[in-house]
Amino acid sequence: MLRLFVALALPEALRVELSALAGGIPGARWLPPDNYHLTLRFIGGIERWRAEEVDEALSAIRARPFDLTLRGLGTFEKNGRIQALWVGVERTEALSHLQSKIETALQRVGLEPERRRFAPHVTIARTDRAEVPKLVAFVQAHNLFRATPARMEQFTLFSSQLGKEHSVYTPEVDYALS
C-alpha cells in the first residue's frame, strides 16, 4: 500500500526563504526545508495498481505555468489546540484551475471527492507542544511576511512515510505545466 499526495514542490530559493522563519517558539517542531510543499490533493493509502491509474490521470492534465506567492502566517487548530504553523498562499486563478483539474482527474479514476475545501498553505512547524502566547506573538510579528514569487512549472506526485519526528516525502513523478 502506498501513501500518496499531489503537491507543488517548492524551489530551493523559496525553501531557504521559508526556513529563515524557523525558530523562536519553544516546543515547536520545525519541518526540514526539504519537506516544504503545497498540497494540491491528499490521496492517502492506495494499492499499487490504483497508483498507476492515478499516474495516468495526472499525466493527462494540461495547465500553464504560473507564479506562486507565499505571504502571511497562520495556524491550524484541532480540538482547541494549535497543531500547525503555516505560511499562506496568494490565491490565483491558475492555482485554483490546476487544483480543480487534479481533483476532477482523481475522481474520474474512482477516488472519493475531497471533503475539505482547498485551503492552500505551506506547513512549516508542528506546534502542539508550543506555548500559545509565544505562538500568537510569533504569528503577529511575522504576519506581513511575503516571499519572493516563484515560477511553478510542474506539480508532483509524492509518496509519504510517517516517521517519529516528521514524515519523509519522496517525489515519485513530476508532471510538467506547459
C-alpha atoms as a PDB file:
ATOM      1  CA  MET A   1       0.000   0.000   0.000  1.00  0.00           C
ATOM      2  CA  LEU A   2       1.314   3.421  -0.986  1.00  0.00           C
ATOM      3  CA  ARG A   3       0.521   6.672   0.850  1.00  0.00           C
ATOM      4  CA  LEU A   4       0.342   9.424  -1.789  1.00  0.00           C
ATOM      5  CA  PHE A   5      -0.383  13.096  -2.275  1.00  0.00           C
ATOM      6  CA  VAL A   6      -0.146  15.607  -5.128  1.00  0.00           C
ATOM      7  CA  ALA A   7       1.706  18.847  -4.436  1.00  0.00           C
ATOM      8  CA  LEU A   8       3.778  21.709  -5.694  1.00  0.00           C
ATOM      9  CA  ALA A   9       7.396  21.121  -4.692  1.00  0.00           C
ATOM     10  CA  LEU A  10       8.960  24.441  -3.732  1.00  0.00           C
ATOM     11  CA  PRO A  11      12.178  25.601  -5.406  1.00  0.00           C
ATOM     12  CA  GLU A  12      15.333  25.772  -3.293  1.00  0.00           C
ATOM     13  CA  ALA A  13      15.368  29.588  -3.064  1.00  0.00           C
ATOM     14  CA  LEU A  14      11.828  29.630  -1.678  1.00  0.00           C
ATOM     15  CA  ARG A  15      12.599  26.861   0.832  1.00  0.00           C
ATOM     16  CA  VAL A  16      15.598  28.884   2.049  1.00  0.00           C
ATOM     17  CA  GLU A  17      13.391  31.965   2.457  1.00  0.00           C
ATOM     18  CA  LEU A  18      10.840  29.990   4.484  1.00  0.00           C
ATOM     19  CA  SER A  19      13.472  28.278   6.621  1.00  0.00           C
ATOM     20  CA  ALA A  20      14.664  31.723   7.772  1.00  0.00           C
ATOM     21  CA  LEU A  21      11.396  31.937   9.732  1.00  0.00           C
ATOM     22  CA  ALA A  22      12.240  28.828  11.808  1.00  0.00           C
ATOM     23  CA  GLY A  23      12.986  29.370  15.485  1.00  0.00           C
ATOM     24  CA  GLY A  24      11.766  31.454  18.369  1.00  0.00           C
ATOM     25  CA  ILE A  25       8.882  29.255  19.532  1.00  0.00           C
ATOM     26  CA  PRO A  26       9.807  26.898  22.373  1.00  0.00           C
ATOM     27  CA  GLY A  27       8.193  23.486  21.865  1.00  0.00           C
ATOM     28  CA  ALA A  28       7.615  23.934  18.112  1.00  0.00           C
ATOM     29  CA  ARG A  29       8.912  21.182  15.840  1.00  0.00           C
ATOM     30  CA  TRP A  30      10.146  22.881  12.684  1.00  0.00           C
ATOM     31  CA  LEU A  31       9.855  20.878   9.488  1.00  0.00           C
ATOM     32  CA  PRO A  32      13.004  20.332   7.458  1.00  0.00           C
ATOM     33  CA  PRO A  33      13.037  22.643   4.405  1.00  0.00           C
ATOM     34  CA  ASP A  34      13.041  19.585   2.117  1.00  0.00           C
ATOM     35  CA  ASN A  35       9.517  18.845   3.416  1.00  0.00           C
ATOM     36  CA  TYR A  36       8.065  22.237   2.448  1.00  0.00           C
ATOM     37  CA  HIS A  37       5.388  21.802  -0.224  1.00  0.00           C
ATOM     38  CA  LEU A  38       1.909  22.990  -1.153  1.00  0.00           C
ATOM     39  CA  THR A  39      -0.535  20.085  -1.120  1.00  0.00           C
ATOM     40  CA  LEU A  40      -2.960  20.153  -4.035  1.00  0.00           C
ATOM     41  CA  ARG A  41      -4.690  16.872  -3.127  1.00  0.00           C
ATOM     42  CA  PHE A  42      -4.077  14.297  -0.395  1.00  0.00           C
ATOM     43  CA  ILE A  43      -4.766  10.805  -1.709  1.00  0.00           C
ATOM     44  CA  GLY A  44      -3.818   8.583   1.241  1.00  0.00           C
ATOM     45  CA  GLY A  45      -3.195   4.854   1.192  1.00  0.00           C
ATOM     46  CA  ILE A  46      -3.868   3.094  -2.117  1.00  0.00           C
ATOM     47  CA  GLU A  47      -2.815  -0.084  -3.869  1.00  0.00           C
ATOM     48  CA  ARG A  48      -0.029  -0.020  -6.475  1.00  0.00           C
ATOM     49  CA  TRP A  49      -2.431  -0.743  -9.388  1.00  0.00           C
ATOM     50  CA  ARG A  50      -4.555   2.237  -8.343  1.00  0.00           C
ATOM     51  CA  ALA A  51      -1.414   4.394  -8.110  1.00  0.00           C
ATOM     52  CA  GLU A  52      -0.732   3.571 -11.758  1.00  0.00           C
ATOM     53  CA  GLU A  53      -4.236   4.814 -12.645  1.00  0.00           C
ATOM     54  CA  VAL A  54      -3.560   7.979 -10.658  1.00  0.00           C
ATOM     55  CA  ASP A  55      -0.310   8.498 -12.575  1.00  0.00           C
ATOM     56  CA  GLU A  56      -2.115   8.083 -15.920  1.00  0.00           C
ATOM     57  CA  ALA A  57      -4.823  10.547 -14.894  1.00  0.00           C
ATOM     58  CA  LEU A  58      -2.315  13.147 -13.684  1.00  0.00           C
ATOM     59  CA  SER A  59      -0.226  12.730 -16.864  1.00  0.00           C
ATOM     60  CA  ALA A  60      -3.223  13.842 -18.942  1.00  0.00           C
ATOM     61  CA  ILE A  61      -3.627  17.185 -17.121  1.00  0.00           C
ATOM     62  CA  ARG A  62      -2.811  20.287 -19.147  1.00  0.00           C
ATOM     63  CA  ALA A  63      -2.283  23.578 -17.331  1.00  0.00           C
ATOM     64  CA  ARG A  64       0.012  26.569 -17.713  1.00  0.00           C
ATOM     65  CA  PRO A  65       2.981  27.503 -15.508  1.00  0.00           C
ATOM     66  CA  PHE A  66       2.260  30.274 -13.018  1.00  0.00           C
ATOM     67  CA  ASP A  67       3.849  32.391 -10.307  1.00  0.00           C
ATOM     68  CA  LEU A  68       3.314  31.328  -6.706  1.00  0.00           C
ATOM     69  CA  THR A  69       3.500  33.919  -3.947  1.00  0.00           C
ATOM     70  CA  LEU A  70       3.591  32.943  -0.283  1.00  0.00           C
ATOM     71  CA  ARG A  71       2.554  35.529   2.285  1.00  0.00           C
ATOM     72  CA  GLY A  72       1.379  35.826   5.865  1.00  0.00           C
ATOM     73  CA  LEU A  73       1.320  33.235   8.614  1.00  0.00           C
ATOM     74  CA  GLY A  74      -1.466  31.356  10.323  1.00  0.00           C
ATOM     75  CA  THR A  75      -2.284  28.320  12.425  1.00  0.00           C
ATOM     76  CA  PHE A  76      -4.483  25.252  12.302  1.00  0.00           C
ATOM     77  CA  GLU A  77      -6.375  24.198  15.405  1.00  0.00           C
ATOM     78  CA  LYS A  78      -7.755  20.804  16.343  1.00  0.00           C
ATOM     79  CA  ASN A  79      -9.768  20.138  19.484  1.00  0.00           C
ATOM     80  CA  GLY A  80      -8.890  23.563  20.873  1.00  0.00           C
ATOM     81  CA  ARG A  81      -5.125  23.094  20.448  1.00  0.00           C
ATOM     82  CA  ILE A  82      -2.964  24.809  17.853  1.00  0.00           C
ATOM     83  CA  GLN A  83      -1.447  21.959  15.821  1.00  0.00           C
ATOM     84  CA  ALA A  84       0.468  23.617  12.989  1.00  0.00           C
ATOM     85  CA  LEU A  85       2.036  26.868  11.835  1.00  0.00           C
ATOM     86  CA  TRP A  86       1.731  27.644   8.131  1.00  0.00           C
ATOM     87  CA  VAL A  87       2.633  30.244   5.528  1.00  0.00           C
ATOM     88  CA  GLY A  88      -0.273  31.396   3.414  1.00  0.00           C
ATOM     89  CA  VAL A  89      -0.592  31.344  -0.354  1.00  0.00           C
ATOM     90  CA  GLU A  90      -1.798  34.180  -2.525  1.00  0.00           C
ATOM     91  CA  ARG A  91      -4.689  32.640  -4.447  1.00  0.00           C
ATOM     92  CA  THR A  92      -4.564  32.878  -8.209  1.00  0.00           C
ATOM     93  CA  GLU A  93      -6.861  31.644 -10.940  1.00  0.00           C
ATOM     94  CA  ALA A  94      -4.040  29.441 -12.268  1.00  0.00           C
ATOM     95  CA  LEU A  95      -3.531  27.705  -8.906  1.00  0.00           C
ATOM     96  CA  SER A  96      -7.263  27.131  -8.430  1.00  0.00           C
ATOM     97  CA  HIS A  97      -7.559  25.849 -12.008  1.00  0.00           C
ATOM     98  CA  LEU A  98      -4.716  23.333 -11.520  1.00  0.00           C
ATOM     99  CA  GLN A  99      -6.122  22.081  -8.224  1.00  0.00           C
ATOM    100  CA  SER A 100      -9.576  21.685  -9.759  1.00  0.00           C
ATOM    101  CA  LYS A 101      -8.185  19.705 -12.720  1.00  0.00           C
ATOM    102  CA  ILE A 102      -6.314  17.400 -10.333  1.00  0.00           C
ATOM    103  CA  GLU A 103      -9.436  16.833  -8.237  1.00  0.00           C
ATOM    104  CA  THR A 104     -11.519  16.047 -11.326  1.00  0.00           C
ATOM    105  CA  ALA A 105      -8.885  13.664 -12.740  1.00  0.00           C
ATOM    106  CA  LEU A 106      -8.643  11.741  -9.462  1.00  0.00           C
ATOM    107  CA  GLN A 107     -12.414  11.414  -9.138  1.00  0.00           C
ATOM    108  CA  ARG A 108     -12.565  10.047 -12.694  1.00  0.00           C
ATOM    109  CA  VAL A 109     -10.298   7.134 -11.663  1.00  0.00           C
ATOM    110  CA  GLY A 110     -12.589   6.354  -8.758  1.00  0.00           C
ATOM    111  CA  LEU A 111     -11.139   8.244  -5.797  1.00  0.00           C
ATOM    112  CA  GLU A 112     -13.639   9.746  -3.378  1.00  0.00           C
ATOM    113  CA  PRO A 113     -14.067  13.533  -3.674  1.00  0.00           C
ATOM    114  CA  GLU A 114     -12.036  15.631  -1.260  1.00  0.00           C
ATOM    115  CA  ARG A 115     -14.384  16.724   1.504  1.00  0.00           C
ATOM    116  CA  ARG A 116     -12.323  19.639   2.752  1.00  0.00           C
ATOM    117  CA  ARG A 117     -12.303  22.963   0.952  1.00  0.00           C
ATOM    118  CA  PHE A 118      -8.968  23.717  -0.754  1.00  0.00           C
ATOM    119  CA  ALA A 119      -7.001  25.954   1.631  1.00  0.00           C
ATOM    120  CA  PRO A 120      -3.564  26.449   0.065  1.00  0.00           C
ATOM    121  CA  HIS A 121      -0.738  26.741   2.585  1.00  0.00           C
ATOM    122  CA  VAL A 122       2.770  25.516   3.351  1.00  0.00           C
ATOM    123  CA  THR A 123       3.187  23.964   6.804  1.00  0.00           C
ATOM    124  CA  ILE A 124       6.484  24.977   8.418  1.00  0.00           C
ATOM    125  CA  ALA A 125       6.086  23.696  12.012  1.00  0.00           C
ATOM    126  CA  ARG A 126       4.109  21.354  14.240  1.00  0.00           C
ATOM    127  CA  THR A 127       3.066  23.310  17.299  1.00  0.00           C
ATOM    128  CA  ASP A 128       1.019  21.013  19.558  1.00  0.00           C
ATOM    129  CA  ARG A 129       3.692  21.378  22.293  1.00  0.00           C
ATOM    130  CA  ALA A 130       4.311  25.108  21.841  1.00  0.00           C
ATOM    131  CA  GLU A 131       3.210  27.766  24.319  1.00  0.00           C
ATOM    132  CA  VAL A 132       0.177  29.542  22.866  1.00  0.00           C
ATOM    133  CA  PRO A 133       1.223  33.111  23.846  1.00  0.00           C
ATOM    134  CA  LYS A 134       4.636  32.634  22.163  1.00  0.00           C
ATOM    135  CA  LEU A 135       2.954  31.184  19.073  1.00  0.00           C
ATOM    136  CA  VAL A 136       0.452  34.038  18.831  1.00  0.00           C
ATOM    137  CA  ALA A 137       3.245  36.614  19.259  1.00  0.00           C
ATOM    138  CA  PHE A 138       5.278  34.896  16.521  1.00  0.00           C
ATOM    139  CA  VAL A 139       2.366  34.936  14.064  1.00  0.00           C
ATOM    140  CA  GLN A 140       1.688  38.612  14.815  1.00  0.00           C
ATOM    141  CA  ALA A 141       5.371  39.516  14.424  1.00  0.00           C
ATOM    142  CA  HIS A 142       5.618  37.793  11.033  1.00  0.00           C
ATOM    143  CA  ASN A 143       2.140  38.470   9.672  1.00  0.00           C
ATOM    144  CA  LEU A 144       3.475  40.747   6.920  1.00  0.00           C
ATOM    145  CA  PHE A 145       5.894  38.090   5.633  1.00  0.00           C
ATOM    146  CA  ARG A 146       5.922  37.915   1.847  1.00  0.00           C
ATOM    147  CA  ALA A 147       8.207  35.602  -0.095  1.00  0.00           C
ATOM    148  CA  THR A 148       9.688  36.306  -3.492  1.00  0.00           C
ATOM    149  CA  PRO A 149       7.287  34.936  -6.149  1.00  0.00           C
ATOM    150  CA  ALA A 150       8.424  31.594  -7.592  1.00  0.00           C
ATOM    151  CA  ARG A 151       7.583  30.184 -11.020  1.00  0.00           C
ATOM    152  CA  MET A 152       5.763  26.839 -10.824  1.00  0.00           C
ATOM    153  CA  GLU A 153       6.485  24.777 -13.920  1.00  0.00           C
ATOM    154  CA  GLN A 154       5.440  21.359 -12.624  1.00  0.00           C
ATOM    155  CA  PHE A 155       3.445  19.532  -9.992  1.00  0.00           C
ATOM    156  CA  THR A 156       4.479  16.283  -8.325  1.00  0.00           C
ATOM    157  CA  LEU A 157       3.059  13.006  -7.067  1.00  0.00           C
ATOM    158  CA  PHE A 158       4.728  12.289  -3.720  1.00  0.00           C
ATOM    159  CA  SER A 159       4.793   9.221  -1.529  1.00  0.00           C
ATOM    160  CA  SER A 160       4.839   9.713   2.222  1.00  0.00           C
ATOM    161  CA  GLN A 161       6.208   7.575   5.020  1.00  0.00           C
ATOM    162  CA  LEU A 162       5.306   8.515   8.568  1.00  0.00           C
ATOM    163  CA  GLY A 163       8.279   8.952  10.898  1.00  0.00           C
ATOM    164  CA  LYS A 164       8.873   9.678  14.581  1.00  0.00           C
ATOM    165  CA  GLU A 165       9.898  13.310  14.175  1.00  0.00           C
ATOM    166  CA  HIS A 166       8.403  14.063  10.771  1.00  0.00           C
ATOM    167  CA  SER A 167       7.197  12.342   7.624  1.00  0.00           C
ATOM    168  CA  VAL A 168       9.548  11.545   4.772  1.00  0.00           C
ATOM    169  CA  TYR A 169       8.267  12.723   1.396  1.00  0.00           C
ATOM    170  CA  THR A 170       9.635  11.191  -1.798  1.00  0.00           C
ATOM    171  CA  PRO A 171       8.874  12.706  -5.211  1.00  0.00           C
ATOM    172  CA  GLU A 172       7.615   9.839  -7.387  1.00  0.00           C
ATOM    173  CA  VAL A 173       6.598  11.558 -10.649  1.00  0.00           C
ATOM    174  CA  ASP A 174       6.820  15.147 -11.900  1.00  0.00           C
ATOM    175  CA  TYR A 175       4.186  16.492 -14.324  1.00  0.00           C
ATOM    176  CA  ALA A 176       5.151  19.475 -16.479  1.00  0.00           C
ATOM    177  CA  LEU A 177       2.961  22.543 -16.744  1.00  0.00           C
ATOM    178  CA  SER A 178       3.141  23.901 -20.279  1.00  0.00           C
END
